[in-house]
Structure formats: C-alpha cells, structure tokens
C-alpha atoms as a PDB file:
ATOM      1  CA  MET A   1      88.958 107.711 143.848  1.00  0.00           C
ATOM      2  CA  ALA A   2      85.864 107.510 141.400  1.00  0.00           C
ATOM      3  CA  PRO A   3      85.312 104.196 139.735  1.00  0.00           C
ATOM      4  CA  TYR A   4      87.649 103.664 137.001  1.00  0.00           C
ATOM      5  CA  GLY A   5      89.700 106.356 137.345  1.00  0.00           C
ATOM      6  CA  GLY A   6      87.096 108.542 135.824  1.00  0.00           C
ATOM      7  CA  GLY A   7      85.233 111.754 137.068  1.00  0.00           C
ATOM      8  CA  GLN A   8      84.933 114.660 134.167  1.00  0.00           C
ATOM      9  CA  PHE A   9      88.342 113.869 132.387  1.00  0.00           C
ATOM     10  CA  SER A  10      87.065 109.927 131.284  1.00  0.00           C
ATOM     11  CA  TRP A  11      83.626 111.106 130.847  1.00  0.00           C
ATOM     12  CA  GLY A  12      84.956 113.834 128.312  1.00  0.00           C
ATOM     13  CA  LYS A  13      87.104 111.142 126.560  1.00  0.00           C
ATOM     14  CA  GLY A  14      84.134 109.024 126.183  1.00  0.00           C
ATOM     15  CA  LEU A  15      82.320 111.917 124.307  1.00  0.00           C
ATOM     16  CA  VAL A  16      84.827 112.048 121.971  1.00  0.00           C
ATOM     17  CA  VAL A  17      84.727 108.856 121.030  1.00  0.00           C
ATOM     18  CA  ILE A  18      81.124 108.689 120.565  1.00  0.00           C
ATOM     19  CA  PHE A  19      81.666 111.807 118.599  1.00  0.00           C
ATOM     20  CA  LEU A  20      84.016 110.463 116.090  1.00  0.00           C
ATOM     21  CA  MET A  21      82.426 106.818 115.593  1.00  0.00           C
ATOM     22  CA  VAL A  22      79.775 108.811 114.680  1.00  0.00           C
ATOM     23  CA  LEU A  23      81.668 111.136 112.442  1.00  0.00           C
ATOM     24  CA  SER A  24      83.341 108.559 110.809  1.00  0.00           C
ATOM     25  CA  GLY A  25      80.331 107.168 109.453  1.00  0.00           C
ATOM     26  CA  CYS A  26      80.264 110.432 107.359  1.00  0.00           C
ATOM     27  CA  GLY A  27      81.041 110.138 103.907  1.00  0.00           C
ATOM     28  CA  ALA A  28      81.430 106.472 103.684  1.00  0.00           C
ATOM     29  CA  GLY A  29      78.210 105.843 101.320  1.00  0.00           C
ATOM     30  CA  GLY A  30      75.430 104.211 102.332  1.00  0.00           C
ATOM     31  CA  GLY A  31      73.483 107.589 102.856  1.00  0.00           C
ATOM     32  CA  ASP A  32      69.922 108.500 101.797  1.00  0.00           C
ATOM     33  CA  ASP A  33      70.911 109.665  98.180  1.00  0.00           C
ATOM     34  CA  ASP A  34      67.506 108.399  96.610  1.00  0.00           C
ATOM     35  CA  ASP A  35      70.023 106.294  94.069  1.00  0.00           C
ATOM     36  CA  ASP A  36      68.326 103.102  94.610  1.00  0.00           C
ATOM     37  CA  ASP A  37      71.865 101.809  94.849  1.00  0.00           C
ATOM     38  CA  GLY A  38      71.091  98.222  96.832  1.00  0.00           C
ATOM     39  CA  GLY A  39      71.622 100.112 100.288  1.00  0.00           C
ATOM     40  CA  GLY A  40      75.120 101.767  99.217  1.00  0.00           C
ATOM     41  CA  GLU A  41      76.266  98.048  98.897  1.00  0.00           C
ATOM     42  CA  LEU A  42      78.207  98.649  95.262  1.00  0.00           C
ATOM     43  CA  GLN A  43      76.334  95.990  92.667  1.00  0.00           C
ATOM     44  CA  PRO A  44      77.034  95.391  89.558  1.00  0.00           C
ATOM     45  CA  THR A  45      74.316  98.036  87.842  1.00  0.00           C
ATOM     46  CA  LEU A  46      74.888 101.806  86.714  1.00  0.00           C
ATOM     47  CA  GLN A  47      72.515 103.090  89.341  1.00  0.00           C
ATOM     48  CA  SER A  48      74.584 101.649  92.110  1.00  0.00           C
ATOM     49  CA  ILE A  49      78.050 102.381  89.860  1.00  0.00           C
ATOM     50  CA  GLN A  50      77.015 106.240  89.122  1.00  0.00           C
ATOM     51  CA  ALA A  51      76.358 106.461  92.844  1.00  0.00           C
ATOM     52  CA  ASN A  52      79.852 104.676  94.044  1.00  0.00           C
ATOM     53  CA  ILE A  53      82.203 105.410  91.538  1.00  0.00           C
ATOM     54  CA  PHE A  54      81.105 107.688  88.712  1.00  0.00           C
ATOM     55  CA  GLY A  55      79.542 110.788  90.854  1.00  0.00           C
ATOM     56  CA  PRO A  56      82.019 110.718  93.821  1.00  0.00           C
ATOM     57  CA  ILE A  57      85.193 109.662  92.013  1.00  0.00           C
ATOM     58  CA  CYS A  58      84.790 110.656  88.158  1.00  0.00           C
ATOM     59  CA  ALA A  59      82.208 113.590  88.103  1.00  0.00           C
ATOM     60  CA  GLN A  60      84.228 115.747  89.390  1.00  0.00           C
ATOM     61  CA  ALA A  61      85.782 119.914  88.034  1.00  0.00           C
ATOM     62  CA  GLY A  62      88.461 119.577  85.486  1.00  0.00           C
ATOM     63  CA  CYS A  63      87.051 115.241  84.513  1.00  0.00           C
ATOM     64  CA  HIS A  64      83.649 114.158  83.694  1.00  0.00           C
ATOM     65  CA  VAL A  65      81.770 116.959  84.249  1.00  0.00           C
ATOM     66  CA  GLY A  66      79.761 119.882  82.570  1.00  0.00           C
ATOM     67  CA  GLY A  67      80.505 121.216  78.959  1.00  0.00           C
ATOM     68  CA  SER A  68      83.936 120.993  79.197  1.00  0.00           C
ATOM     69  CA  ALA A  69      84.320 116.808  80.199  1.00  0.00           C
ATOM     70  CA  GLN A  70      87.553 114.943  79.023  1.00  0.00           C
ATOM     71  CA  GLN A  71      86.718 113.491  76.115  1.00  0.00           C
ATOM     72  CA  GLY A  72      82.998 114.836  75.752  1.00  0.00           C
ATOM     73  CA  LEU A  73      82.271 111.973  78.301  1.00  0.00           C
ATOM     74  CA  MET A  74      79.852 113.129  80.928  1.00  0.00           C
ATOM     75  CA  LEU A  75      79.573 110.904  83.727  1.00  0.00           C
ATOM     76  CA  ASP A  76      77.488 113.292  86.343  1.00  0.00           C
ATOM     77  CA  SER A  77      74.175 111.302  85.960  1.00  0.00           C
ATOM     78  CA  VAL A  78      73.092 107.769  84.924  1.00  0.00           C
ATOM     79  CA  ALA A  79      71.410 109.181  82.189  1.00  0.00           C
ATOM     80  CA  ASN A  80      74.733 111.117  80.881  1.00  0.00           C
ATOM     81  CA  SER A  81      76.772 108.205  81.833  1.00  0.00           C
ATOM     82  CA  PHE A  82      74.562 105.905  79.812  1.00  0.00           C
ATOM     83  CA  GLN A  83      74.092 108.412  76.738  1.00  0.00           C
ATOM     84  CA  ASP A  84      78.257 108.449  76.844  1.00  0.00           C
ATOM     85  CA  LEU A  85      79.347 105.541  77.404  1.00  0.00           C
ATOM     86  CA  VAL A  86      76.745 102.502  75.962  1.00  0.00           C
ATOM     87  CA  GLY A  87      77.648 101.788  72.321  1.00  0.00           C
ATOM     88  CA  ILE A  88      79.649 104.809  71.939  1.00  0.00           C
ATOM     89  CA  ALA A  89      83.132 104.389  70.007  1.00  0.00           C
ATOM     90  CA  SER A  90      85.896 105.693  72.404  1.00  0.00           C
ATOM     91  CA  THR A  91      87.300 108.906  70.783  1.00  0.00           C
ATOM     92  CA  GLU A  92      91.009 107.672  71.827  1.00  0.00           C
ATOM     93  CA  ALA A  93      90.454 104.297  70.454  1.00  0.00           C
ATOM     94  CA  PRO A  94      87.750 104.540  67.431  1.00  0.00           C
ATOM     95  CA  SER A  95      88.114 101.020  67.167  1.00  0.00           C
ATOM     96  CA  LEU A  96      86.672 100.288  70.894  1.00  0.00           C
ATOM     97  CA  LEU A  97      83.054 101.129  72.083  1.00  0.00           C
ATOM     98  CA  ARG A  98      83.830 102.623  75.488  1.00  0.00           C
ATOM     99  CA  VAL A  99      81.112 100.012  76.596  1.00  0.00           C
ATOM    100  CA  ASP A 100      80.106  97.685  74.345  1.00  0.00           C
ATOM    101  CA  PRO A 101      77.389  95.465  76.160  1.00  0.00           C
ATOM    102  CA  GLY A 102      78.099  92.102  77.073  1.00  0.00           C
ATOM    103  CA  ASN A 103      81.696  92.065  76.499  1.00  0.00           C
ATOM    104  CA  PRO A 104      83.765  94.011  79.009  1.00  0.00           C
ATOM    105  CA  ASP A 105      87.062  92.790  77.295  1.00  0.00           C
ATOM    106  CA  SER A 106      86.069  94.772  74.489  1.00  0.00           C
ATOM    107  CA  SER A 107      85.414  97.624  76.313  1.00  0.00           C
ATOM    108  CA  TYR A 108      87.665 101.011  76.473  1.00  0.00           C
ATOM    109  CA  LEU A 109      86.244 101.894  79.790  1.00  0.00           C
ATOM    110  CA  VAL A 110      87.381  98.527  80.741  1.00  0.00           C
ATOM    111  CA  HIS A 111      91.390  99.322  79.541  1.00  0.00           C
ATOM    112  CA  LYS A 112      91.463 102.634  81.191  1.00  0.00           C
ATOM    113  CA  ILE A 113      90.383 101.102  84.682  1.00  0.00           C
ATOM    114  CA  GLU A 114      92.253  98.654  84.812  1.00  0.00           C
ATOM    115  CA  GLY A 115      95.631 100.447  83.030  1.00  0.00           C
ATOM    116  CA  ARG A 116      95.616  98.224  80.219  1.00  0.00           C
ATOM    117  CA  SER A 117      98.718  98.880  77.744  1.00  0.00           C
ATOM    118  CA  THR A 118      96.491  99.304  75.033  1.00  0.00           C
ATOM    119  CA  ILE A 119      95.195 102.916  76.357  1.00  0.00           C
ATOM    120  CA  VAL A 120      96.033 105.771  75.257  1.00  0.00           C
ATOM    121  CA  GLY A 121      96.890 108.747  78.142  1.00  0.00           C
ATOM    122  CA  ALA A 122      96.664 107.600  81.443  1.00  0.00           C
ATOM    123  CA  GLN A 123      94.652 105.003  83.468  1.00  0.00           C
ATOM    124  CA  MET A 124      91.972 106.492  85.410  1.00  0.00           C
ATOM    125  CA  PRO A 125      91.261 107.753  87.188  1.00  0.00           C
ATOM    126  CA  LEU A 126      93.577 109.973  86.729  1.00  0.00           C
ATOM    127  CA  ASN A 127      95.785 111.654  89.719  1.00  0.00           C
ATOM    128  CA  GLN A 128      93.775 109.512  92.001  1.00  0.00           C
ATOM    129  CA  PRO A 129      94.121 106.419  93.186  1.00  0.00           C
ATOM    130  CA  GLY A 130      93.355 102.923  90.890  1.00  0.00           C
ATOM    131  CA  LEU A 131      89.866 101.667  91.316  1.00  0.00           C
ATOM    132  CA  SER A 132      89.596  98.632  93.770  1.00  0.00           C
ATOM    133  CA  GLY A 133      89.421  95.412  92.736  1.00  0.00           C
ATOM    134  CA  PRO A 134      85.224  95.408  93.901  1.00  0.00           C
ATOM    135  CA  GLN A 135      84.545  98.120  91.746  1.00  0.00           C
ATOM    136  CA  ILE A 136      86.251  96.965  89.278  1.00  0.00           C
ATOM    137  CA  THR A 137      84.033  93.638  89.073  1.00  0.00           C
ATOM    138  CA  ALA A 138      81.454  95.541  89.385  1.00  0.00           C
ATOM    139  CA  ILE A 139      81.901  97.662  86.389  1.00  0.00           C
ATOM    140  CA  ARG A 140      83.340  94.670  84.444  1.00  0.00           C
ATOM    141  CA  SER A 141      79.827  92.645  85.617  1.00  0.00           C
ATOM    142  CA  TRP A 142      77.568  95.567  84.275  1.00  0.00           C
ATOM    143  CA  ILE A 143      78.614  95.304  81.099  1.00  0.00           C
ATOM    144  CA  GLN A 144      78.809  91.462  80.749  1.00  0.00           C
ATOM    145  CA  ASN A 145      75.148  91.443  81.785  1.00  0.00           C
ATOM    146  CA  GLY A 146      74.176  94.071  79.219  1.00  0.00           C
ATOM    147  CA  ALA A 147      75.372  97.556  80.332  1.00  0.00           C
ATOM    148  CA  ASN A 148      72.051  97.680  80.904  1.00  0.00           C
ATOM    149  CA  GLN A 149      70.293 101.949  81.889  1.00  0.00           C
END
C-alpha cells in the first residue's frame, strides 16, 4: 500500500485542490489593472472606488454606462465619474448635489447607496446586494476628504 493511502487517486485530488485554489484568486480584485488603486485594497480615493465599486458594480449594461446611462450618470471611468458626480445636482432630488465635496450626509450618492428614506426610486446598486460597510465607508470618506479626482 502506498503511503498516505496515495497512489494516483490522491495525487489527482491534490491537483484538483491546487487548481481550485489558483482559480479562487481570479476575479477577486488586486489584479494588474493599472488603476493605481492602492494595491487592490479599497481606499477612499476616486481611483480605488472606480476600480473596486463603480467599474465592476455600477458601470454595467442598462445602468451607468454609455449613452443610455441612467439619469445621465456615467460611472465607467474616473473622468466620467468625477464629471458626472462631483458638484452636480441630482436629477432625482435637485436640491442635493450628487456629491457635495466635504459633506457626505448631503450627497445624494450616499443617500442612494445607504437606501435612505429621502431617495427617489430604489437603493443602489439596483437589483444587486447593497454595498458593504467598508465600500460605503470608502465612498463617504472620499467625499468627506473633498471628493478629489
């Protein structure tokens, strides 16, 4: 009998486990996207928020991408996100800016991702799980720190 009950069967199982471990790293962020997002960790910067939230979650067909972007809000690049968010009045709640630099509580984006009672329509992201606490914190911190590009 081979040690460890081995033979080809155990070796094959080992390869499957290694293969699955390698695959589990795919699509988990931290890749080489050239987004300068702080090494893949979510940071309170627009570049990191774009790479980790806006790009993969919001800039999807039928949502915030291209000429048919909902509410005219394109979140498909750092430049578009900044241009369409910062200092721009919300189309749903015109008395609020989408992003009011230095003031996350008055930023309609925060109202939408937190699902506050002040929003028109549904909490964002639509038809997906809500953003996590760390994701919301990163967005709030970016806004609090001046919402710089």
